[in-house]
Amino acid sequence: MSFTFPFADWVAAYGTAINASSAYQAASAEWTHGAVALVVNGRPEIGLSEPVGIWLELERGVCHEARLVTVAEAQRAPFVITADYARWKEIVKKELAPIAGILQRKLMLQGSLAIVVRFMHSAEELVNAATTVPTRFLDE
C-alpha cells in the first residue's frame, strides 16, 4: 500500500514513521522549540488545487501529532518551511537536503535559522523517516 503525498493518509503514516525512528528520537532529544509546519504550495495541474500545511507537533524526539492544516494554521507554528511541490518531492526522495534547500533559498523558512541549523541532524532524520513511507507522488 502506498500513500499519496501530501494528503492526510501520507501525513498520518509520516507521523508513525517519525515515532518509529530511534535515530530521530536520539537526534531530537533536546528539541523543545515547538511545532514545525511544512507548507506545500498548490499545483492545480497535478491535482493539488491549493497550498496545504503539514503540522508536526514535535518535542524531545516524539511526534505528538501529524496532521493536515490550512496555510493560515501552519503560519502559527514557530517554524514554517514553505516550498513548491517539486522541492518537497526532492526532499522526500533525498535528492535535496532540507538545510541546504533553506540556505539555497529553494525552501523558505520562517523561524530561527540558528536553531534549525543546530538541529541539522534532526532535520536529516525527519527526511529519513519520510523515505520509509511508501509514497505515491501526484505527478508520477
Protein backbone atom coordinates (compact mmCIF):
# COMPACT_ATOMS: atom_id res chain seq x y z
CA MET A 1 0.00 0.00 0.00
CA SER A 2 1.28 3.46 -0.83
CA PHE A 3 0.21 6.86 0.45
CA THR A 4 -0.29 9.92 -1.72
CA PHE A 5 1.86 12.91 -0.83
CA PRO A 6 0.80 15.33 0.69
CA PHE A 7 -2.62 14.05 1.72
CA ALA A 8 -3.90 13.05 5.18
CA ASP A 9 -3.07 9.36 4.88
CA TRP A 10 0.55 10.18 3.98
CA VAL A 11 0.81 12.66 6.85
CA ALA A 12 -0.51 10.09 9.34
CA ALA A 13 1.93 7.47 8.05
CA TYR A 14 4.73 10.03 8.29
CA GLY A 15 3.91 10.73 11.95
CA THR A 16 4.03 7.00 12.62
CA ALA A 17 7.37 6.72 10.81
CA ILE A 18 8.84 9.59 12.83
CA ASN A 19 7.87 7.88 16.08
CA ALA A 20 9.28 4.56 14.86
CA SER A 21 12.69 6.13 14.23
CA SER A 22 15.16 5.64 17.07
CA ALA A 23 17.63 7.79 15.11
CA TYR A 24 15.13 10.69 15.08
CA GLN A 25 14.46 10.22 18.80
CA ALA A 26 18.18 10.40 19.58
CA ALA A 27 18.83 13.39 17.29
CA SER A 28 15.87 15.31 18.66
CA ALA A 29 16.01 14.53 22.37
CA GLU A 30 16.80 18.21 23.07
CA TRP A 31 14.12 19.67 20.75
CA THR A 32 11.82 21.86 22.86
CA HIS A 33 11.16 24.57 20.28
CA GLY A 34 7.64 23.61 19.28
CA ALA A 35 5.80 22.60 16.17
CA VAL A 36 7.18 22.56 12.67
CA ALA A 37 4.83 23.24 9.78
CA LEU A 38 5.60 22.25 6.20
CA VAL A 39 3.71 24.18 3.55
CA VAL A 40 3.37 22.63 0.12
CA ASN A 41 2.42 25.21 -2.50
CA GLY A 42 -0.53 24.28 -4.70
CA ARG A 43 -0.11 22.82 -8.15
CA PRO A 44 -3.57 22.50 -9.74
CA GLU A 45 -2.32 20.76 -12.90
CA ILE A 46 -1.46 17.63 -10.86
CA GLY A 47 -4.47 17.72 -8.52
CA LEU A 48 -3.18 19.88 -5.67
CA SER A 49 -5.64 22.73 -6.07
CA GLU A 50 -4.37 24.89 -3.21
CA PRO A 51 -1.48 25.02 -0.77
CA VAL A 52 -1.59 22.62 2.16
CA GLY A 53 0.10 22.62 5.51
CA ILE A 54 1.51 19.66 7.40
CA TRP A 55 1.63 20.25 11.14
CA LEU A 56 4.21 18.27 13.10
CA GLU A 57 3.91 18.68 16.86
CA LEU A 58 7.44 17.70 17.85
CA GLU A 59 9.03 17.60 21.28
CA ARG A 60 12.05 15.75 22.65
CA GLY A 61 12.18 13.16 19.87
CA VAL A 62 8.46 12.44 19.75
CA CYS A 63 5.89 13.46 17.17
CA HIS A 64 2.78 14.06 19.29
CA GLU A 65 0.67 14.97 16.27
CA ALA A 66 0.96 14.93 12.49
CA ARG A 67 -1.98 16.36 10.59
CA LEU A 68 -3.02 18.43 7.60
CA VAL A 69 -3.80 22.06 8.32
CA THR A 70 -4.66 25.16 6.36
CA VAL A 71 -1.86 27.50 5.42
CA ALA A 72 -3.25 30.04 7.89
CA GLU A 73 -2.98 27.45 10.68
CA ALA A 74 0.50 26.44 9.56
CA GLN A 75 1.67 30.05 9.79
CA ARG A 76 1.14 29.90 13.57
CA ALA A 77 3.90 27.33 14.07
CA PRO A 78 7.23 28.55 15.46
CA PHE A 79 8.92 27.06 12.38
CA VAL A 80 7.34 27.11 8.93
CA ILE A 81 9.09 25.75 5.87
CA THR A 82 7.44 26.56 2.54
CA ALA A 83 8.29 25.19 -0.88
CA ASP A 84 6.83 24.13 -4.18
CA TYR A 85 5.61 20.58 -4.62
CA ALA A 86 8.65 19.67 -6.74
CA ARG A 87 11.03 20.75 -3.95
CA TRP A 88 9.19 18.69 -1.34
CA LYS A 89 9.31 15.73 -3.70
CA GLU A 90 13.09 16.18 -3.96
CA ILE A 91 13.34 16.20 -0.17
CA VAL A 92 11.20 13.08 0.30
CA LYS A 93 13.32 11.31 -2.33
CA LYS A 94 16.52 12.51 -0.57
CA GLU A 95 17.61 14.48 -3.64
CA LEU A 96 17.71 17.73 -1.64
CA ALA A 97 18.75 18.12 1.99
CA PRO A 98 16.37 20.43 3.88
CA ILE A 99 19.04 22.66 5.43
CA ALA A 100 20.82 23.00 2.08
CA GLY A 101 17.47 23.85 0.48
CA ILE A 102 16.89 26.59 3.06
CA LEU A 103 20.37 28.02 2.62
CA GLN A 104 19.98 27.93 -1.19
CA ARG A 105 16.56 29.59 -0.87
CA LYS A 106 14.83 26.66 -2.52
CA LEU A 107 12.76 26.41 0.67
CA MET A 108 11.63 29.41 2.68
CA LEU A 109 11.99 29.33 6.45
CA GLN A 110 10.01 31.33 8.99
CA GLY A 111 11.64 30.88 12.36
CA SER A 112 15.14 30.83 13.75
CA LEU A 113 17.72 29.63 11.24
CA ALA A 114 20.24 29.28 14.08
CA ILE A 115 18.01 26.78 15.88
CA VAL A 116 17.28 24.87 12.67
CA VAL A 117 20.99 24.60 11.87
CA ARG A 118 21.71 23.47 15.41
CA PHE A 119 19.25 20.62 14.84
CA MET A 120 20.52 19.71 11.35
CA HIS A 121 20.83 16.03 12.24
CA SER A 122 17.25 16.08 13.49
CA ALA A 123 16.10 17.51 10.14
CA GLU A 124 18.01 14.77 8.32
CA GLU A 125 16.31 12.12 10.44
CA LEU A 126 12.89 13.64 9.66
CA VAL A 127 13.73 13.16 5.99
CA ASN A 128 14.93 9.61 6.63
CA ALA A 129 11.60 8.88 8.32
CA ALA A 130 9.75 10.28 5.29
CA THR A 131 11.65 7.93 2.99
CA THR A 132 10.25 4.94 4.88
CA VAL A 133 6.67 5.91 3.99
CA PRO A 134 5.59 4.15 0.77
CA THR A 135 4.85 7.28 -1.23
CA ARG A 136 2.93 7.94 -4.42
CA PHE A 137 3.51 11.33 -6.00
CA LEU A 138 0.73 13.10 -7.87
CA ASP A 139 2.91 13.80 -10.91
CA GLU A 140 4.17 10.26 -11.41
